[in-house]
């Protein structure tokens, strides 16, 4: 089992209000300030809404060549891509 340690990770929870413009702005603000973001889709959100649609909304809003968006279970990880150093 491999554990990934995220140095600075902000957790944002999505509840019954769903993915709102304010939530997307908060994700973008944290990504711009060099933080990784973990978005947790709470049970009351998943029961009523489509999880895949929410992930796609987040991907479209933070779309960048410097950012990875990964969906893992009921969580979405938005992280900076690791830059390779040229030797």
Foldseek 3Di string as FASTA:
>chain_A
DDDDDFPAEAEAEAAPVADDPVNLVVCLVCVVVQHKYKYAYDPRRVVPDPQVVSQVVSCVSNPDPQWDWDDDPRMIIIHGDDDDDDD
